[in-house]
Amino acid sequence: MQSIRNLLLTAAGIAFTLMAFVFTASLGLALIGIVSVVMIGTTIAARLAPKPVRATVNRNSVNRNPGNPNSGRQPREPRIWNDGRGTIIDL
């Protein structure tokens, strides 16, 4: 009687351990699947995001005032760009 009880408890322990392993493995696979879907979505979203466009000033349209003492020098081209949050003008 004692050996039958030991055999049944051993079989129950092995079955419980096997079920716990299968449950843990399925949770791991589900987590891997969710993380991979999020990573793929992030990659696609980054590719579809608009890239900042650098805006330039036409050098021929720079106003040269003859009364200005600096009019003889070549005027410095202002740097203008859009960083995605707004236009930045560096005079």
PDB file of N, CA and C in Angstrom:
ATOM      1  N   MET A   1       0.818  -1.192   0.000  1.00  0.00           N
ATOM      2  CA  MET A   1       0.000   0.000   0.000  1.00  0.00           C
ATOM      3  C   MET A   1       0.870   1.268   0.000  1.00  0.00           C
ATOM      4  N   GLN A   2       1.952   1.170   0.779  1.00  0.00           N
ATOM      5  CA  GLN A   2       2.847   2.321   0.868  1.00  0.00           C
ATOM      6  C   GLN A   2       3.527   2.583  -0.472  1.00  0.00           C
ATOM      7  N   SER A   3       3.910   1.569  -1.207  1.00  0.00           N
ATOM      8  CA  SER A   3       4.594   1.757  -2.474  1.00  0.00           C
ATOM      9  C   SER A   3       3.640   2.293  -3.541  1.00  0.00           C
ATOM     10  N   ILE A   4       2.368   1.906  -3.476  1.00  0.00           N
ATOM     11  CA  ILE A   4       1.386   2.428  -4.436  1.00  0.00           C
ATOM     12  C   ILE A   4       1.167   3.928  -4.183  1.00  0.00           C
ATOM     13  N   ARG A   5       1.105   4.310  -2.902  1.00  0.00           N
ATOM     14  CA  ARG A   5       0.916   5.718  -2.563  1.00  0.00           C
ATOM     15  C   ARG A   5       2.143   6.525  -3.016  1.00  0.00           C
ATOM     16  N   ASN A   6       3.322   6.004  -2.803  1.00  0.00           N
ATOM     17  CA  ASN A   6       4.539   6.693  -3.247  1.00  0.00           C
ATOM     18  C   ASN A   6       4.567   6.819  -4.768  1.00  0.00           C
ATOM     19  N   LEU A   7       4.148   5.770  -5.448  1.00  0.00           N
ATOM     20  CA  LEU A   7       4.119   5.800  -6.902  1.00  0.00           C
ATOM     21  C   LEU A   7       3.131   6.845  -7.417  1.00  0.00           C
ATOM     22  N   LEU A   8       1.948   6.925  -6.800  1.00  0.00           N
ATOM     23  CA  LEU A   8       0.942   7.917  -7.210  1.00  0.00           C
ATOM     24  C   LEU A   8       1.406   9.346  -6.901  1.00  0.00           C
ATOM     25  N   LEU A   9       2.010   9.559  -5.734  1.00  0.00           N
ATOM     26  CA  LEU A   9       2.508  10.896  -5.394  1.00  0.00           C
ATOM     27  C   LEU A   9       3.659  11.312  -6.321  1.00  0.00           C
ATOM     28  N   THR A  10       4.513  10.382  -6.686  1.00  0.00           N
ATOM     29  CA  THR A  10       5.597  10.681  -7.617  1.00  0.00           C
ATOM     30  C   THR A  10       5.046  11.036  -8.991  1.00  0.00           C
ATOM     31  N   ALA A  11       4.052  10.269  -9.448  1.00  0.00           N
ATOM     32  CA  ALA A  11       3.431  10.560 -10.742  1.00  0.00           C
ATOM     33  C   ALA A  11       2.722  11.920 -10.710  1.00  0.00           C
ATOM     34  N   ALA A  12       2.041  12.226  -9.584  1.00  0.00           N
ATOM     35  CA  ALA A  12       1.369  13.523  -9.464  1.00  0.00           C
ATOM     36  C   ALA A  12       2.401  14.655  -9.451  1.00  0.00           C
ATOM     37  N   GLY A  13       3.516  14.459  -8.765  1.00  0.00           N
ATOM     38  CA  GLY A  13       4.565  15.482  -8.736  1.00  0.00           C
ATOM     39  C   GLY A  13       5.177  15.707 -10.095  1.00  0.00           C
ATOM     40  N   ILE A  14       5.416  14.622 -10.831  1.00  0.00           N
ATOM     41  CA  ILE A  14       5.960  14.757 -12.184  1.00  0.00           C
ATOM     42  C   ILE A  14       4.961  15.450 -13.099  1.00  0.00           C
ATOM     43  N   ALA A  15       3.668  15.097 -12.974  1.00  0.00           N
ATOM     44  CA  ALA A  15       2.644  15.729 -13.802  1.00  0.00           C
ATOM     45  C   ALA A  15       2.526  17.220 -13.478  1.00  0.00           C
ATOM     46  N   PHE A  16       2.573  17.559 -12.181  1.00  0.00           N
ATOM     47  CA  PHE A  16       2.493  18.970 -11.787  1.00  0.00           C
ATOM     48  C   PHE A  16       3.695  19.757 -12.309  1.00  0.00           C
ATOM     49  N   THR A  17       4.885  19.165 -12.205  1.00  0.00           N
ATOM     50  CA  THR A  17       6.096  19.818 -12.703  1.00  0.00           C
ATOM     51  C   THR A  17       6.023  20.005 -14.213  1.00  0.00           C
ATOM     52  N   LEU A  18       5.516  19.005 -14.912  1.00  0.00           N
ATOM     53  CA  LEU A  18       5.377  19.110 -16.367  1.00  0.00           C
ATOM     54  C   LEU A  18       4.370  20.196 -16.750  1.00  0.00           C
ATOM     55  N   MET A  19       3.249  20.259 -16.027  1.00  0.00           N
ATOM     56  CA  MET A  19       2.249  21.303 -16.310  1.00  0.00           C
ATOM     57  C   MET A  19       2.815  22.700 -16.026  1.00  0.00           C
ATOM     58  N   ALA A  20       3.581  22.830 -14.935  1.00  0.00           N
ATOM     59  CA  ALA A  20       4.193  24.126 -14.614  1.00  0.00           C
ATOM     60  C   ALA A  20       5.194  24.530 -15.700  1.00  0.00           C
ATOM     61  N   PHE A  21       5.962  23.566 -16.211  1.00  0.00           N
ATOM     62  CA  PHE A  21       6.915  23.847 -17.276  1.00  0.00           C
ATOM     63  C   PHE A  21       6.197  24.295 -18.549  1.00  0.00           C
ATOM     64  N   VAL A  22       5.129  23.608 -18.921  1.00  0.00           N
ATOM     65  CA  VAL A  22       4.374  23.963 -20.131  1.00  0.00           C
ATOM     66  C   VAL A  22       3.746  25.354 -19.966  1.00  0.00           C
ATOM     67  N   PHE A  23       3.204  25.635 -18.787  1.00  0.00           N
ATOM     68  CA  PHE A  23       2.604  26.947 -18.539  1.00  0.00           C
ATOM     69  C   PHE A  23       3.652  28.059 -18.629  1.00  0.00           C
ATOM     70  N   THR A  24       4.815  27.847 -18.029  1.00  0.00           N
ATOM     71  CA  THR A  24       5.884  28.847 -18.067  1.00  0.00           C
ATOM     72  C   THR A  24       6.400  29.054 -19.492  1.00  0.00           C
ATOM     73  N   ALA A  25       6.536  27.957 -20.237  1.00  0.00           N
ATOM     74  CA  ALA A  25       7.010  28.064 -21.620  1.00  0.00           C
ATOM     75  C   ALA A  25       5.994  28.812 -22.479  1.00  0.00           C
ATOM     76  N   SER A  26       4.707  28.571 -22.260  1.00  0.00           N
ATOM     77  CA  SER A  26       3.700  29.279 -23.054  1.00  0.00           C
ATOM     78  C   SER A  26       3.677  30.770 -22.714  1.00  0.00           C
ATOM     79  N   LEU A  27       3.857  31.110 -21.450  1.00  0.00           N
ATOM     80  CA  LEU A  27       3.936  32.532 -21.084  1.00  0.00           C
ATOM     81  C   LEU A  27       5.168  33.184 -21.716  1.00  0.00           C
ATOM     82  N   GLY A  28       6.270  32.463 -21.743  1.00  0.00           N
ATOM     83  CA  GLY A  28       7.489  32.997 -22.372  1.00  0.00           C
ATOM     84  C   GLY A  28       7.296  33.227 -23.855  1.00  0.00           C
ATOM     85  N   LEU A  29       6.670  32.275 -24.531  1.00  0.00           N
ATOM     86  CA  LEU A  29       6.406  32.445 -25.968  1.00  0.00           C
ATOM     87  C   LEU A  29       5.453  33.612 -26.222  1.00  0.00           C
ATOM     88  N   ALA A  30       4.438  33.754 -25.369  1.00  0.00           N
ATOM     89  CA  ALA A  30       3.510  34.874 -25.527  1.00  0.00           C
ATOM     90  C   ALA A  30       4.238  36.204 -25.333  1.00  0.00           C
ATOM     91  N   LEU A  31       5.104  36.278 -24.347  1.00  0.00           N
ATOM     92  CA  LEU A  31       5.863  37.506 -24.101  1.00  0.00           C
ATOM     93  C   LEU A  31       6.794  37.818 -25.269  1.00  0.00           C
ATOM     94  N   ILE A  32       7.450  36.816 -25.795  1.00  0.00           N
ATOM     95  CA  ILE A  32       8.321  37.008 -26.959  1.00  0.00           C
ATOM     96  C   ILE A  32       7.513  37.503 -28.155  1.00  0.00           C
ATOM     97  N   GLY A  33       6.326  36.947 -28.356  1.00  0.00           N
ATOM     98  CA  GLY A  33       5.472  37.387 -29.465  1.00  0.00           C
ATOM     99  C   GLY A  33       5.039  38.833 -29.313  1.00  0.00           C
ATOM    100  N   ILE A  34       4.643  39.222 -28.110  1.00  0.00           N
ATOM    101  CA  ILE A  34       4.202  40.603 -27.878  1.00  0.00           C
ATOM    102  C   ILE A  34       5.358  41.578 -28.087  1.00  0.00           C
ATOM    103  N   VAL A  35       6.530  41.246 -27.565  1.00  0.00           N
ATOM    104  CA  VAL A  35       7.693  42.131 -27.719  1.00  0.00           C
ATOM    105  C   VAL A  35       8.088  42.261 -29.187  1.00  0.00           C
ATOM    106  N   SER A  36       8.024  41.160 -29.934  1.00  0.00           N
ATOM    107  CA  SER A  36       8.392  41.239 -31.352  1.00  0.00           C
ATOM    108  C   SER A  36       7.398  42.075 -32.143  1.00  0.00           C
ATOM    109  N   VAL A  37       6.110  41.974 -31.834  1.00  0.00           N
ATOM    110  CA  VAL A  37       5.114  42.799 -32.529  1.00  0.00           C
ATOM    111  C   VAL A  37       5.334  44.276 -32.212  1.00  0.00           C
ATOM    112  N   VAL A  38       5.638  44.591 -30.967  1.00  0.00           N
ATOM    113  CA  VAL A  38       5.889  45.996 -30.591  1.00  0.00           C
ATOM    114  C   VAL A  38       7.144  46.514 -31.285  1.00  0.00           C
ATOM    115  N   MET A  39       8.201  45.704 -31.362  1.00  0.00           N
ATOM    116  CA  MET A  39       9.431  46.138 -32.034  1.00  0.00           C
ATOM    117  C   MET A  39       9.202  46.361 -33.524  1.00  0.00           C
ATOM    118  N   ILE A  40       8.456  45.485 -34.169  1.00  0.00           N
ATOM    119  CA  ILE A  40       8.171  45.655 -35.597  1.00  0.00           C
ATOM    120  C   ILE A  40       7.327  46.907 -35.815  1.00  0.00           C
ATOM    121  N   GLY A  41       6.340  47.136 -34.959  1.00  0.00           N
ATOM    122  CA  GLY A  41       5.518  48.350 -35.066  1.00  0.00           C
ATOM    123  C   GLY A  41       6.341  49.613 -34.874  1.00  0.00           C
ATOM    124  N   THR A  42       7.270  49.590 -33.933  1.00  0.00           N
ATOM    125  CA  THR A  42       8.128  50.751 -33.703  1.00  0.00           C
ATOM    126  C   THR A  42       9.018  51.017 -34.911  1.00  0.00           C
ATOM    127  N   THR A  43       9.544  49.962 -35.507  1.00  0.00           N
ATOM    128  CA  THR A  43      10.396  50.121 -36.688  1.00  0.00           C
ATOM    129  C   THR A  43       9.614  50.705 -37.853  1.00  0.00           C
ATOM    130  N   ILE A  44       8.416  50.206 -38.075  1.00  0.00           N
ATOM    131  CA  ILE A  44       7.587  50.718 -39.176  1.00  0.00           C
ATOM    132  C   ILE A  44       7.197  52.168 -38.914  1.00  0.00           C
ATOM    133  N   ALA A  45       6.847  52.497 -37.672  1.00  0.00           N
ATOM    134  CA  ALA A  45       6.466  53.871 -37.345  1.00  0.00           C
ATOM    135  C   ALA A  45       7.642  54.827 -37.528  1.00  0.00           C
ATOM    136  N   ALA A  46       8.855  54.376 -37.192  1.00  0.00           N
ATOM    137  CA  ALA A  46      10.032  55.239 -37.360  1.00  0.00           C
ATOM    138  C   ALA A  46      10.323  55.491 -38.830  1.00  0.00           C
ATOM    139  N   ARG A  47      10.075  54.498 -39.673  1.00  0.00           N
ATOM    140  CA  ARG A  47      10.310  54.700 -41.107  1.00  0.00           C
ATOM    141  C   ARG A  47       9.267  55.617 -41.723  1.00  0.00           C
ATOM    142  N   LEU A  48       8.057  55.622 -41.194  1.00  0.00           N
ATOM    143  CA  LEU A  48       6.996  56.445 -41.765  1.00  0.00           C
ATOM    144  C   LEU A  48       6.989  57.869 -41.215  1.00  0.00           C
ATOM    145  N   ALA A  49       7.751  58.124 -40.162  1.00  0.00           N
ATOM    146  CA  ALA A  49       7.789  59.459 -39.569  1.00  0.00           C
ATOM    147  C   ALA A  49       8.471  60.424 -40.536  1.00  0.00           C
ATOM    148  N   PRO A  50       7.965  61.657 -40.626  1.00  0.00           N
ATOM    149  CA  PRO A  50       8.596  62.629 -41.526  1.00  0.00           C
ATOM    150  C   PRO A  50       9.972  63.039 -41.003  1.00  0.00           C
ATOM    151  N   LYS A  51      10.907  63.165 -41.926  1.00  0.00           N
ATOM    152  CA  LYS A  51      12.253  63.578 -41.561  1.00  0.00           C
ATOM    153  C   LYS A  51      12.326  65.114 -41.580  1.00  0.00           C
ATOM    154  N   PRO A  52      13.122  65.704 -40.687  1.00  0.00           N
ATOM    155  CA  PRO A  52      13.258  67.162 -40.697  1.00  0.00           C
ATOM    156  C   PRO A  52      13.837  67.638 -42.025  1.00  0.00           C
ATOM    157  N   VAL A  53      13.270  68.711 -42.548  1.00  0.00           N
ATOM    158  CA  VAL A  53      13.699  69.258 -43.827  1.00  0.00           C
ATOM    159  C   VAL A  53      14.455  70.546 -43.566  1.00  0.00           C
ATOM    160  N   ARG A  54      15.658  70.648 -44.123  1.00  0.00           N
ATOM    161  CA  ARG A  54      16.450  71.863 -43.949  1.00  0.00           C
ATOM    162  C   ARG A  54      15.989  72.896 -44.961  1.00  0.00           C
ATOM    163  N   ALA A  55      15.568  74.039 -44.459  1.00  0.00           N
ATOM    164  CA  ALA A  55      15.146  75.143 -45.317  1.00  0.00           C
ATOM    165  C   ALA A  55      16.332  76.082 -45.515  1.00  0.00           C
ATOM    166  N   THR A  56      16.509  76.577 -46.729  1.00  0.00           N
ATOM    167  CA  THR A  56      17.617  77.474 -47.023  1.00  0.00           C
ATOM    168  C   THR A  56      17.078  78.797 -47.564  1.00  0.00           C
ATOM    169  N   VAL A  57      17.906  79.799 -47.476  1.00  0.00           N
ATOM    170  CA  VAL A  57      17.564  81.128 -47.967  1.00  0.00           C
ATOM    171  C   VAL A  57      18.273  81.331 -49.297  1.00  0.00           C
ATOM    172  N   ASN A  58      17.573  81.874 -50.259  1.00  0.00           N
ATOM    173  CA  ASN A  58      18.174  82.174 -51.554  1.00  0.00           C
ATOM    174  C   ASN A  58      19.130  83.346 -51.371  1.00  0.00           C
ATOM    175  N   ARG A  59      20.408  83.141 -51.681  1.00  0.00           N
ATOM    176  CA  ARG A  59      21.415  84.178 -51.455  1.00  0.00           C
ATOM    177  C   ARG A  59      21.182  85.398 -52.350  1.00  0.00           C
ATOM    178  N   ASN A  60      20.551  85.217 -53.491  1.00  0.00           N
ATOM    179  CA  ASN A  60      20.311  86.347 -54.383  1.00  0.00           C
ATOM    180  C   ASN A  60      19.224  87.269 -53.850  1.00  0.00           C
ATOM    181  N   SER A  61      18.398  86.768 -52.951  1.00  0.00           N
ATOM    182  CA  SER A  61      17.295  87.582 -52.448  1.00  0.00           C
ATOM    183  C   SER A  61      17.679  88.356 -51.192  1.00  0.00           C
ATOM    184  N   VAL A  62      18.961  88.287 -50.759  1.00  0.00           N
ATOM    185  CA  VAL A  62      19.395  89.015 -49.580  1.00  0.00           C
ATOM    186  C   VAL A  62      19.391  90.502 -49.914  1.00  0.00           C
ATOM    187  N   ASN A  63      18.764  91.298 -49.072  1.00  0.00           N
ATOM    188  CA  ASN A  63      18.611  92.733 -49.319  1.00  0.00           C
ATOM    189  C   ASN A  63      19.937  93.438 -49.023  1.00  0.00           C
ATOM    190  N   ARG A  64      20.521  94.053 -50.038  1.00  0.00           N
ATOM    191  CA  ARG A  64      21.766  94.797 -49.862  1.00  0.00           C
ATOM    192  C   ARG A  64      21.432  96.280 -49.881  1.00  0.00           C
ATOM    193  N   ASN A  65      21.577  96.883 -48.733  1.00  0.00           N
ATOM    194  CA  ASN A  65      21.259  98.296 -48.569  1.00  0.00           C
ATOM    195  C   ASN A  65      22.529  99.116 -48.832  1.00  0.00           C
ATOM    196  N   PRO A  66      22.500 100.038 -49.832  1.00  0.00           N
ATOM    197  CA  PRO A  66      23.714 100.810 -50.118  1.00  0.00           C
ATOM    198  C   PRO A  66      24.110 101.748 -48.986  1.00  0.00           C
ATOM    199  N   GLY A  67      23.174 102.138 -48.133  1.00  0.00           N
ATOM    200  CA  GLY A  67      23.507 103.022 -47.011  1.00  0.00           C
ATOM    201  C   GLY A  67      24.122 102.267 -45.843  1.00  0.00           C
ATOM    202  N   ASN A  68      24.092 100.976 -45.881  1.00  0.00           N
ATOM    203  CA  ASN A  68      24.619 100.168 -44.792  1.00  0.00           C
ATOM    204  C   ASN A  68      26.129 100.023 -44.955  1.00  0.00           C
ATOM    205  N   PRO A  69      26.930 100.331 -43.910  1.00  0.00           N
ATOM    206  CA  PRO A  69      28.383 100.217 -44.063  1.00  0.00           C
ATOM    207  C   PRO A  69      28.838  98.772 -44.260  1.00  0.00           C
ATOM    208  N   ASN A  70      28.027  97.816 -43.882  1.00  0.00           N
ATOM    209  CA  ASN A  70      28.391  96.406 -44.051  1.00  0.00           C
ATOM    210  C   ASN A  70      27.924  95.855 -45.399  1.00  0.00           C
ATOM    211  N   SER A  71      27.403  96.735 -46.276  1.00  0.00           N
ATOM    212  CA  SER A  71      26.857  96.234 -47.533  1.00  0.00           C
ATOM    213  C   SER A  71      27.951  95.771 -48.487  1.00  0.00           C
ATOM    214  N   GLY A  72      29.197  96.214 -48.289  1.00  0.00           N
ATOM    215  CA  GLY A  72      30.278  95.777 -49.156  1.00  0.00           C
ATOM    216  C   GLY A  72      30.716  94.347 -48.867  1.00  0.00           C
ATOM    217  N   ARG A  73      30.468  93.892 -47.644  1.00  0.00           N
ATOM    218  CA  ARG A  73      30.840  92.520 -47.288  1.00  0.00           C
ATOM    219  C   ARG A  73      29.821  91.536 -47.822  1.00  0.00           C
ATOM    220  N   GLN A  74      30.294  90.335 -47.971  1.00  0.00           N
ATOM    221  CA  GLN A  74      29.367  89.268 -48.371  1.00  0.00           C
ATOM    222  C   GLN A  74      28.479  88.965 -47.167  1.00  0.00           C
ATOM    223  N   PRO A  75      27.175  89.094 -47.299  1.00  0.00           N
ATOM    224  CA  PRO A  75      26.305  88.840 -46.138  1.00  0.00           C
ATOM    225  C   PRO A  75      26.342  87.359 -45.763  1.00  0.00           C
ATOM    226  N   ARG A  76      26.301  87.109 -44.449  1.00  0.00           N
ATOM    227  CA  ARG A  76      26.303  85.732 -43.959  1.00  0.00           C
ATOM    228  C   ARG A  76      24.918  85.138 -44.145  1.00  0.00           C
ATOM    229  N   GLU A  77      24.891  83.949 -44.694  1.00  0.00           N
ATOM    230  CA  GLU A  77      23.612  83.290 -44.941  1.00  0.00           C
ATOM    231  C   GLU A  77      23.048  82.783 -43.619  1.00  0.00           C
ATOM    232  N   PRO A  78      21.837  83.197 -43.278  1.00  0.00           N
ATOM    233  CA  PRO A  78      21.254  82.691 -42.027  1.00  0.00           C
ATOM    234  C   PRO A  78      20.925  81.204 -42.162  1.00  0.00           C
ATOM    235  N   ARG A  79      21.113  80.494 -41.069  1.00  0.00           N
ATOM    236  CA  ARG A  79      20.787  79.069 -41.069  1.00  0.00           C
ATOM    237  C   ARG A  79      19.353  78.909 -40.600  1.00  0.00           C
ATOM    238  N   ILE A  80      18.549  78.249 -41.405  1.00  0.00           N
ATOM    239  CA  ILE A  80      17.143  78.020 -41.093  1.00  0.00           C
ATOM    240  C   ILE A  80      16.872  76.534 -41.271  1.00  0.00           C
ATOM    241  N   TRP A  81      16.306  75.919 -40.264  1.00  0.00           N
ATOM    242  CA  TRP A  81      15.957  74.509 -40.402  1.00  0.00           C
ATOM    243  C   TRP A  81      14.746  74.186 -39.540  1.00  0.00           C
ATOM    244  N   ASN A  82      14.140  73.071 -39.864  1.00  0.00           N
ATOM    245  CA  ASN A  82      12.976  72.600 -39.120  1.00  0.00           C
ATOM    246  C   ASN A  82      13.374  71.300 -38.465  1.00  0.00           C
ATOM    247  N   ASP A  83      13.353  71.282 -37.129  1.00  0.00           N
ATOM    248  CA  ASP A  83      13.760  70.075 -36.414  1.00  0.00           C
ATOM    249  C   ASP A  83      12.586  69.173 -36.071  1.00  0.00           C
ATOM    250  N   GLY A  84      11.417  69.437 -36.632  1.00  0.00           N
ATOM    251  CA  GLY A  84      10.254  68.614 -36.365  1.00  0.00           C
ATOM    252  C   GLY A  84       9.397  69.172 -35.253  1.00  0.00           C
ATOM    253  N   ARG A  85       9.939  70.074 -34.443  1.00  0.00           N
ATOM    254  CA  ARG A  85       9.164  70.707 -33.381  1.00  0.00           C
ATOM    255  C   ARG A  85       8.884  72.174 -33.691  1.00  0.00           C
ATOM    256  N   GLY A  86       9.526  72.682 -34.737  1.00  0.00           N
ATOM    257  CA  GLY A  86       9.324  74.068 -35.126  1.00  0.00           C
ATOM    258  C   GLY A  86      10.494  74.549 -35.960  1.00  0.00           C
ATOM    259  N   THR A  87      10.323  75.681 -36.614  1.00  0.00           N
ATOM    260  CA  THR A  87      11.362  76.232 -37.471  1.00  0.00           C
ATOM    261  C   THR A  87      12.351  77.012 -36.608  1.00  0.00           C
ATOM    262  N   ILE A  88      13.637  76.797 -36.848  1.00  0.00           N
ATOM    263  CA  ILE A  88      14.702  77.475 -36.116  1.00  0.00           C
ATOM    264  C   ILE A  88      15.425  78.376 -37.106  1.00  0.00           C
ATOM    265  N   ILE A  89      15.558  79.652 -36.760  1.00  0.00           N
ATOM    266  CA  ILE A  89      16.252  80.623 -37.600  1.00  0.00           C
ATOM    267  C   ILE A  89      17.439  81.147 -36.828  1.00  0.00           C
ATOM    268  N   ASP A  90      18.637  80.870 -37.328  1.00  0.00           N
ATOM    269  CA  ASP A  90      19.875  81.321 -36.700  1.00  0.00           C
ATOM    270  C   ASP A  90      20.453  82.433 -37.563  1.00  0.00           C
ATOM    271  N   LEU A  91      20.284  83.668 -37.114  1.00  0.00           N
ATOM    272  CA  LEU A  91      20.783  84.815 -37.887  1.00  0.00           C
ATOM    273  C   LEU A  91      22.199  85.005 -37.518  1.00  0.00           C
TER     274      LEU A  91
END
